[in-house]
Amino acid sequence: MKARIPLACCAAIAFATILPAHGAVPLAAQTDEIAAPLTLIAGDAARGRTLFVTREGGHCILCHAVPGTPIAGNIGPPLNGAGARLTAAQLRRRVVDITVIRPDTTMPAFHRIDSLQRVAPEFRGKPVLSAQDVEDVIAYLATLHE
């Protein structure tokens, strides 16, 4: 009798084998959106908010204002209503690597590791945010409808 492996397990194994060891997902299409989530685990909006506002995370609050935060930067646009204006796929593109659609931006590419300049040796080859961190931030931004 042949052993049967559940289809979900096969998909997870296949997906895991294409992920590079450093955690950054290769993105072939350079468009306004990244349709597929970067992980098999859904994003956690609460964790995404924590990443958004903390220095240990993306520290997005340094440049972007969001509802419910008394102190925020103003270098980037305020993100209130981002979840109403942009799809999850569009938000993902902007967090992963905004320079694909706005080459002149000051916002860093949070999940790109190639073609970067002035990266400290201990951070070379490592994305700022892991794939799961990106999905968590996307889940948080998608909640912003006001």
N, C-alpha and C. Protein backbone atom coordinates (compact mmCIF):
# COMPACT_ATOMS: atom_id res chain seq x y z
N MET A 1 0.83 -1.18 0.00
CA MET A 1 0.00 0.00 0.00
C MET A 1 0.89 1.25 0.00
N LYS A 2 0.59 2.19 -0.86
CA LYS A 2 1.37 3.41 -0.96
C LYS A 2 0.95 4.39 0.13
N ALA A 3 1.94 5.09 0.67
CA ALA A 3 1.65 6.13 1.67
C ALA A 3 1.10 7.35 0.96
N ARG A 4 0.12 7.97 1.56
CA ARG A 4 -0.47 9.17 0.98
C ARG A 4 -0.07 10.39 1.81
N ILE A 5 0.39 11.41 1.13
CA ILE A 5 0.75 12.66 1.79
C ILE A 5 -0.34 13.66 1.46
N PRO A 6 -0.91 14.30 2.49
CA PRO A 6 -1.96 15.29 2.23
C PRO A 6 -1.46 16.39 1.29
N LEU A 7 -2.35 16.86 0.43
CA LEU A 7 -2.01 17.89 -0.54
C LEU A 7 -1.48 19.15 0.13
N ALA A 8 -2.04 19.54 1.25
CA ALA A 8 -1.58 20.75 1.96
C ALA A 8 -0.12 20.60 2.38
N CYS A 9 0.26 19.41 2.80
CA CYS A 9 1.66 19.17 3.19
C CYS A 9 2.58 19.31 1.98
N CYS A 10 2.15 18.78 0.85
CA CYS A 10 2.95 18.88 -0.37
C CYS A 10 3.14 20.34 -0.77
N ALA A 11 2.08 21.11 -0.67
CA ALA A 11 2.16 22.53 -1.03
C ALA A 11 3.11 23.26 -0.10
N ALA A 12 3.02 22.98 1.18
CA ALA A 12 3.90 23.63 2.16
C ALA A 12 5.36 23.27 1.90
N ILE A 13 5.62 22.02 1.61
CA ILE A 13 6.99 21.58 1.33
C ILE A 13 7.50 22.23 0.06
N ALA A 14 6.69 22.25 -0.97
CA ALA A 14 7.09 22.86 -2.24
C ALA A 14 7.36 24.35 -2.05
N PHE A 15 6.50 25.05 -1.31
CA PHE A 15 6.68 26.47 -1.08
C PHE A 15 7.95 26.72 -0.27
N ALA A 16 8.18 25.92 0.76
CA ALA A 16 9.35 26.11 1.61
C ALA A 16 10.65 25.91 0.84
N THR A 17 10.64 25.04 -0.14
CA THR A 17 11.87 24.78 -0.88
C THR A 17 12.25 25.91 -1.82
N ILE A 18 11.31 26.79 -2.14
CA ILE A 18 11.67 27.91 -3.02
C ILE A 18 12.08 29.14 -2.25
N LEU A 19 11.89 29.15 -0.92
CA LEU A 19 12.28 30.29 -0.13
C LEU A 19 13.79 30.28 0.10
N PRO A 20 14.46 31.39 -0.15
CA PRO A 20 15.89 31.44 0.11
C PRO A 20 16.15 31.36 1.62
N ALA A 21 17.33 30.96 1.99
CA ALA A 21 17.68 30.78 3.39
C ALA A 21 17.59 32.08 4.18
N HIS A 22 17.86 33.21 3.58
CA HIS A 22 17.87 34.48 4.30
C HIS A 22 16.47 35.02 4.55
N GLY A 23 15.46 34.47 3.96
CA GLY A 23 14.09 34.86 4.26
C GLY A 23 13.46 35.81 3.27
N ALA A 24 14.17 36.41 2.35
CA ALA A 24 13.56 37.30 1.38
C ALA A 24 13.03 36.49 0.21
N VAL A 25 11.81 36.73 -0.14
CA VAL A 25 11.17 35.97 -1.21
C VAL A 25 11.52 36.60 -2.56
N PRO A 26 11.99 35.81 -3.53
CA PRO A 26 12.27 36.37 -4.85
C PRO A 26 10.97 36.79 -5.53
N LEU A 27 10.96 37.96 -6.09
CA LEU A 27 9.74 38.49 -6.70
C LEU A 27 10.03 38.78 -8.16
N ALA A 28 9.52 37.92 -9.03
CA ALA A 28 9.82 38.03 -10.45
C ALA A 28 9.14 39.24 -11.10
N ALA A 29 7.86 39.39 -10.87
CA ALA A 29 7.11 40.45 -11.53
C ALA A 29 7.27 41.76 -10.77
N GLN A 30 7.66 42.77 -11.47
CA GLN A 30 7.83 44.09 -10.87
C GLN A 30 6.62 44.95 -11.25
N THR A 31 5.55 44.82 -10.50
CA THR A 31 4.31 45.52 -10.80
C THR A 31 3.85 46.32 -9.59
N ASP A 32 2.67 46.90 -9.69
CA ASP A 32 2.08 47.69 -8.62
C ASP A 32 1.61 46.82 -7.45
N GLU A 33 1.62 45.51 -7.62
CA GLU A 33 1.14 44.65 -6.54
C GLU A 33 1.90 43.34 -6.50
N ILE A 34 1.84 42.72 -5.34
CA ILE A 34 2.34 41.36 -5.15
C ILE A 34 1.12 40.59 -4.65
N ALA A 35 0.52 39.84 -5.54
CA ALA A 35 -0.77 39.21 -5.25
C ALA A 35 -0.69 38.13 -4.18
N ALA A 36 0.32 37.28 -4.25
CA ALA A 36 0.39 36.14 -3.33
C ALA A 36 1.03 36.54 -2.01
N PRO A 37 0.45 36.11 -0.91
CA PRO A 37 1.09 36.34 0.39
C PRO A 37 2.49 35.72 0.40
N LEU A 38 3.37 36.28 1.20
CA LEU A 38 4.74 35.80 1.27
C LEU A 38 4.90 34.58 2.17
N THR A 39 3.86 34.27 2.94
CA THR A 39 3.91 33.14 3.87
C THR A 39 2.63 32.33 3.77
N LEU A 40 2.65 31.16 4.35
CA LEU A 40 1.46 30.33 4.42
C LEU A 40 0.61 30.70 5.64
N ILE A 41 1.17 31.46 6.55
CA ILE A 41 0.47 31.87 7.77
C ILE A 41 -0.10 33.26 7.55
N ALA A 42 -1.39 33.44 7.83
CA ALA A 42 -2.05 34.73 7.66
C ALA A 42 -1.40 35.78 8.57
N GLY A 43 -1.43 37.02 8.11
CA GLY A 43 -0.89 38.11 8.91
C GLY A 43 -1.71 38.37 10.16
N ASP A 44 -1.05 38.83 11.20
CA ASP A 44 -1.66 39.16 12.48
C ASP A 44 -1.65 40.68 12.63
N ALA A 45 -2.82 41.32 12.57
CA ALA A 45 -2.91 42.78 12.59
C ALA A 45 -2.34 43.37 13.88
N ALA A 46 -2.57 42.74 15.01
CA ALA A 46 -2.05 43.27 16.28
C ALA A 46 -0.52 43.25 16.28
N ARG A 47 0.05 42.17 15.81
CA ARG A 47 1.51 42.10 15.73
C ARG A 47 2.02 43.10 14.68
N GLY A 48 1.27 43.27 13.60
CA GLY A 48 1.64 44.24 12.58
C GLY A 48 1.68 45.66 13.10
N ARG A 49 0.72 46.00 13.95
CA ARG A 49 0.71 47.34 14.55
C ARG A 49 1.93 47.52 15.43
N THR A 50 2.27 46.50 16.21
CA THR A 50 3.46 46.56 17.06
C THR A 50 4.70 46.77 16.21
N LEU A 51 4.83 46.03 15.13
CA LEU A 51 5.97 46.20 14.22
C LEU A 51 5.99 47.61 13.65
N PHE A 52 4.83 48.14 13.33
CA PHE A 52 4.71 49.46 12.72
C PHE A 52 5.22 50.55 13.65
N VAL A 53 4.92 50.44 14.93
CA VAL A 53 5.22 51.54 15.85
C VAL A 53 6.52 51.37 16.65
N THR A 54 7.12 50.19 16.63
CA THR A 54 8.31 49.98 17.45
C THR A 54 9.60 50.08 16.66
N ARG A 55 10.62 50.48 17.39
CA ARG A 55 11.94 50.59 16.78
C ARG A 55 12.48 49.23 16.37
N GLU A 56 12.15 48.19 17.13
CA GLU A 56 12.62 46.85 16.83
C GLU A 56 11.94 46.28 15.59
N GLY A 57 10.82 46.86 15.20
CA GLY A 57 10.11 46.40 14.00
C GLY A 57 10.52 47.24 12.81
N GLY A 58 9.54 47.65 12.06
CA GLY A 58 9.81 48.47 10.90
C GLY A 58 10.05 49.93 11.23
N HIS A 59 9.58 50.34 12.41
CA HIS A 59 9.67 51.73 12.85
C HIS A 59 9.03 52.68 11.83
N CYS A 60 7.96 52.22 11.24
CA CYS A 60 7.23 52.98 10.21
C CYS A 60 6.71 54.31 10.75
N ILE A 61 6.40 54.32 12.04
CA ILE A 61 5.83 55.51 12.68
C ILE A 61 6.80 56.69 12.61
N LEU A 62 8.06 56.41 12.39
CA LEU A 62 9.05 57.47 12.26
C LEU A 62 8.71 58.40 11.10
N CYS A 63 8.09 57.85 10.06
CA CYS A 63 7.76 58.64 8.86
C CYS A 63 6.27 58.78 8.59
N HIS A 64 5.45 57.83 9.07
CA HIS A 64 4.02 57.81 8.74
C HIS A 64 3.14 57.95 9.97
N ALA A 65 2.11 58.76 9.85
CA ALA A 65 1.09 58.88 10.89
C ALA A 65 -0.02 57.88 10.62
N VAL A 66 -0.56 57.30 11.71
CA VAL A 66 -1.71 56.42 11.64
C VAL A 66 -2.65 56.78 12.78
N PRO A 67 -3.94 56.48 12.64
CA PRO A 67 -4.89 56.79 13.71
C PRO A 67 -4.48 56.13 15.03
N GLY A 68 -4.66 56.88 16.11
CA GLY A 68 -4.39 56.34 17.44
C GLY A 68 -2.96 56.47 17.91
N THR A 69 -2.12 57.15 17.17
CA THR A 69 -0.75 57.37 17.61
C THR A 69 -0.52 58.88 17.75
N PRO A 70 -0.24 59.33 18.97
CA PRO A 70 -0.11 60.77 19.20
C PRO A 70 1.15 61.39 18.58
N ILE A 71 2.20 60.61 18.46
CA ILE A 71 3.45 61.13 17.90
C ILE A 71 3.82 60.30 16.69
N ALA A 72 4.03 60.98 15.56
CA ALA A 72 4.39 60.28 14.33
C ALA A 72 5.14 61.23 13.42
N GLY A 73 5.87 60.67 12.49
CA GLY A 73 6.61 61.47 11.53
C GLY A 73 5.71 61.99 10.42
N ASN A 74 6.28 62.87 9.62
CA ASN A 74 5.52 63.44 8.50
C ASN A 74 6.32 63.42 7.20
N ILE A 75 7.36 62.60 7.14
CA ILE A 75 8.13 62.49 5.91
C ILE A 75 7.33 61.74 4.85
N GLY A 76 6.67 60.66 5.27
CA GLY A 76 5.81 59.90 4.37
C GLY A 76 4.37 60.34 4.55
N PRO A 77 3.50 59.91 3.66
CA PRO A 77 2.09 60.30 3.77
C PRO A 77 1.42 59.64 4.98
N PRO A 78 0.40 60.29 5.55
CA PRO A 78 -0.37 59.63 6.61
C PRO A 78 -1.07 58.41 6.01
N LEU A 79 -1.20 57.36 6.81
CA LEU A 79 -1.74 56.11 6.28
C LEU A 79 -3.16 55.83 6.72
N ASN A 80 -3.83 56.82 7.31
CA ASN A 80 -5.24 56.61 7.63
C ASN A 80 -5.99 56.37 6.32
N GLY A 81 -6.82 55.34 6.33
CA GLY A 81 -7.58 54.98 5.13
C GLY A 81 -6.82 54.14 4.13
N ALA A 82 -5.58 53.74 4.45
CA ALA A 82 -4.79 52.95 3.49
C ALA A 82 -5.48 51.65 3.14
N GLY A 83 -6.15 51.03 4.11
CA GLY A 83 -6.84 49.77 3.86
C GLY A 83 -8.05 49.92 2.97
N ALA A 84 -8.60 51.13 2.91
CA ALA A 84 -9.75 51.39 2.04
C ALA A 84 -9.30 51.77 0.63
N ARG A 85 -8.13 52.37 0.51
CA ARG A 85 -7.64 52.85 -0.79
C ARG A 85 -6.86 51.80 -1.57
N LEU A 86 -6.17 50.90 -0.84
CA LEU A 86 -5.28 49.95 -1.49
C LEU A 86 -5.65 48.52 -1.13
N THR A 87 -5.44 47.61 -2.06
CA THR A 87 -5.68 46.19 -1.78
C THR A 87 -4.50 45.65 -0.97
N ALA A 88 -4.68 44.47 -0.41
CA ALA A 88 -3.58 43.82 0.31
C ALA A 88 -2.39 43.62 -0.62
N ALA A 89 -2.64 43.28 -1.88
CA ALA A 89 -1.57 43.07 -2.85
C ALA A 89 -0.80 44.37 -3.11
N GLN A 90 -1.50 45.49 -3.18
CA GLN A 90 -0.84 46.78 -3.38
C GLN A 90 -0.07 47.20 -2.13
N LEU A 91 -0.64 46.96 -0.96
CA LEU A 91 0.07 47.26 0.28
C LEU A 91 1.34 46.43 0.38
N ARG A 92 1.23 45.16 0.01
CA ARG A 92 2.39 44.26 0.06
C ARG A 92 3.52 44.77 -0.83
N ARG A 93 3.20 45.20 -2.04
CA ARG A 93 4.21 45.75 -2.95
C ARG A 93 4.92 46.94 -2.30
N ARG A 94 4.16 47.82 -1.67
CA ARG A 94 4.73 49.02 -1.09
C ARG A 94 5.63 48.72 0.11
N VAL A 95 5.26 47.74 0.90
CA VAL A 95 6.09 47.38 2.06
C VAL A 95 7.33 46.59 1.61
N VAL A 96 7.15 45.66 0.72
CA VAL A 96 8.27 44.83 0.26
C VAL A 96 9.33 45.69 -0.42
N ASP A 97 8.93 46.48 -1.41
CA ASP A 97 9.89 47.31 -2.15
C ASP A 97 9.15 48.40 -2.92
N ILE A 98 8.94 49.52 -2.27
CA ILE A 98 8.24 50.66 -2.87
C ILE A 98 8.99 51.22 -4.08
N THR A 99 10.31 51.01 -4.14
CA THR A 99 11.09 51.61 -5.23
C THR A 99 10.73 51.05 -6.60
N VAL A 100 10.03 49.93 -6.65
CA VAL A 100 9.58 49.39 -7.93
C VAL A 100 8.58 50.34 -8.58
N ILE A 101 7.74 50.97 -7.77
CA ILE A 101 6.74 51.88 -8.34
C ILE A 101 7.07 53.35 -8.10
N ARG A 102 7.95 53.63 -7.15
CA ARG A 102 8.38 55.01 -6.87
C ARG A 102 9.89 55.03 -6.65
N PRO A 103 10.67 55.00 -7.72
CA PRO A 103 12.13 54.91 -7.60
C PRO A 103 12.77 56.06 -6.82
N ASP A 104 12.12 57.20 -6.76
CA ASP A 104 12.69 58.37 -6.09
C ASP A 104 12.30 58.49 -4.61
N THR A 105 11.64 57.49 -4.06
CA THR A 105 11.16 57.58 -2.69
C THR A 105 12.29 57.49 -1.67
N THR A 106 12.03 58.03 -0.49
CA THR A 106 12.99 57.89 0.61
C THR A 106 12.66 56.67 1.47
N MET A 107 11.51 56.05 1.23
CA MET A 107 11.12 54.87 2.00
C MET A 107 12.01 53.69 1.62
N PRO A 108 12.53 52.98 2.62
CA PRO A 108 13.37 51.83 2.29
C PRO A 108 12.57 50.64 1.80
N ALA A 109 13.26 49.74 1.14
CA ALA A 109 12.67 48.46 0.74
C ALA A 109 12.80 47.54 1.95
N PHE A 110 11.69 47.15 2.54
CA PHE A 110 11.73 46.40 3.79
C PHE A 110 11.93 44.90 3.62
N HIS A 111 11.79 44.40 2.39
CA HIS A 111 11.97 42.96 2.20
C HIS A 111 12.79 42.64 0.95
N ARG A 112 13.61 43.57 0.55
CA ARG A 112 14.52 43.36 -0.57
C ARG A 112 15.94 43.28 -0.02
N ILE A 113 16.78 42.47 -0.61
CA ILE A 113 18.15 42.36 -0.12
C ILE A 113 19.21 42.64 -1.20
N ASP A 114 18.79 42.73 -2.45
CA ASP A 114 19.77 42.95 -3.51
C ASP A 114 19.79 44.41 -3.95
N SER A 115 20.91 44.82 -4.51
CA SER A 115 21.09 46.16 -5.06
C SER A 115 20.87 47.27 -4.03
N LEU A 116 21.21 47.01 -2.80
CA LEU A 116 21.10 48.03 -1.75
C LEU A 116 22.46 48.68 -1.55
N GLN A 117 22.46 49.92 -1.09
CA GLN A 117 23.71 50.63 -0.87
C GLN A 117 23.86 50.96 0.61
N ARG A 118 25.09 51.08 1.05
CA ARG A 118 25.44 51.48 2.42
C ARG A 118 24.76 50.61 3.48
N VAL A 119 24.86 49.31 3.34
CA VAL A 119 24.29 48.37 4.30
C VAL A 119 25.43 47.88 5.20
N ALA A 120 25.23 47.99 6.50
CA ALA A 120 26.24 47.52 7.45
C ALA A 120 26.51 46.04 7.23
N PRO A 121 27.76 45.62 7.38
CA PRO A 121 28.11 44.21 7.11
C PRO A 121 27.23 43.20 7.84
N GLU A 122 26.86 43.47 9.07
CA GLU A 122 26.06 42.51 9.83
C GLU A 122 24.62 42.39 9.32
N PHE A 123 24.20 43.32 8.47
CA PHE A 123 22.84 43.29 7.93
C PHE A 123 22.78 42.92 6.45
N ARG A 124 23.91 42.76 5.81
CA ARG A 124 23.93 42.40 4.39
C ARG A 124 23.30 41.03 4.18
N GLY A 125 22.47 40.94 3.16
CA GLY A 125 21.82 39.68 2.84
C GLY A 125 20.62 39.37 3.71
N LYS A 126 20.21 40.31 4.55
CA LYS A 126 19.06 40.10 5.44
C LYS A 126 18.03 41.19 5.18
N PRO A 127 16.77 40.82 5.03
CA PRO A 127 15.73 41.85 4.86
C PRO A 127 15.46 42.54 6.19
N VAL A 128 14.97 43.76 6.14
CA VAL A 128 14.60 44.49 7.36
C VAL A 128 13.46 43.77 8.06
N LEU A 129 12.47 43.38 7.28
CA LEU A 129 11.32 42.64 7.81
C LEU A 129 11.29 41.25 7.20
N SER A 130 11.00 40.26 8.03
CA SER A 130 10.84 38.90 7.51
C SER A 130 9.55 38.83 6.70
N ALA A 131 9.37 37.74 5.99
CA ALA A 131 8.15 37.55 5.22
C ALA A 131 6.93 37.59 6.13
N GLN A 132 7.02 36.98 7.31
CA GLN A 132 5.88 37.01 8.24
C GLN A 132 5.65 38.42 8.78
N ASP A 133 6.72 39.14 9.05
CA ASP A 133 6.58 40.54 9.49
C ASP A 133 5.83 41.35 8.43
N VAL A 134 6.19 41.16 7.17
CA VAL A 134 5.52 41.89 6.08
C VAL A 134 4.03 41.57 6.10
N GLU A 135 3.69 40.30 6.19
CA GLU A 135 2.27 39.91 6.20
C GLU A 135 1.54 40.48 7.41
N ASP A 136 2.21 40.57 8.56
CA ASP A 136 1.60 41.15 9.75
C ASP A 136 1.36 42.65 9.56
N VAL A 137 2.32 43.36 9.00
CA VAL A 137 2.15 44.79 8.74
C VAL A 137 1.02 45.02 7.74
N ILE A 138 0.95 44.18 6.70
CA ILE A 138 -0.13 44.29 5.71
C ILE A 138 -1.48 44.09 6.39
N ALA A 139 -1.57 43.08 7.27
CA ALA A 139 -2.83 42.83 7.98
C ALA A 139 -3.23 44.06 8.80
N TYR A 140 -2.26 44.73 9.43
CA TYR A 140 -2.56 45.94 10.19
C TYR A 140 -3.01 47.07 9.26
N LEU A 141 -2.25 47.33 8.22
CA LEU A 141 -2.60 48.42 7.31
C LEU A 141 -3.97 48.21 6.67
N ALA A 142 -4.31 46.97 6.42
CA ALA A 142 -5.61 46.66 5.82
C ALA A 142 -6.78 47.01 6.76
N THR A 143 -6.51 47.17 8.05
CA THR A 143 -7.56 47.55 9.00
C THR A 143 -7.82 49.05 9.02
N LEU A 144 -6.94 49.82 8.41
CA LEU A 144 -7.05 51.29 8.44
C LEU A 144 -8.04 51.76 7.39
N HIS A 145 -9.25 52.04 7.81
CA HIS A 145 -10.29 52.46 6.87
C HIS A 145 -10.80 53.87 7.11
N GLU A 146 -10.31 54.52 8.13
CA GLU A 146 -10.81 55.90 8.40
C GLU A 146 -9.93 56.95 7.81
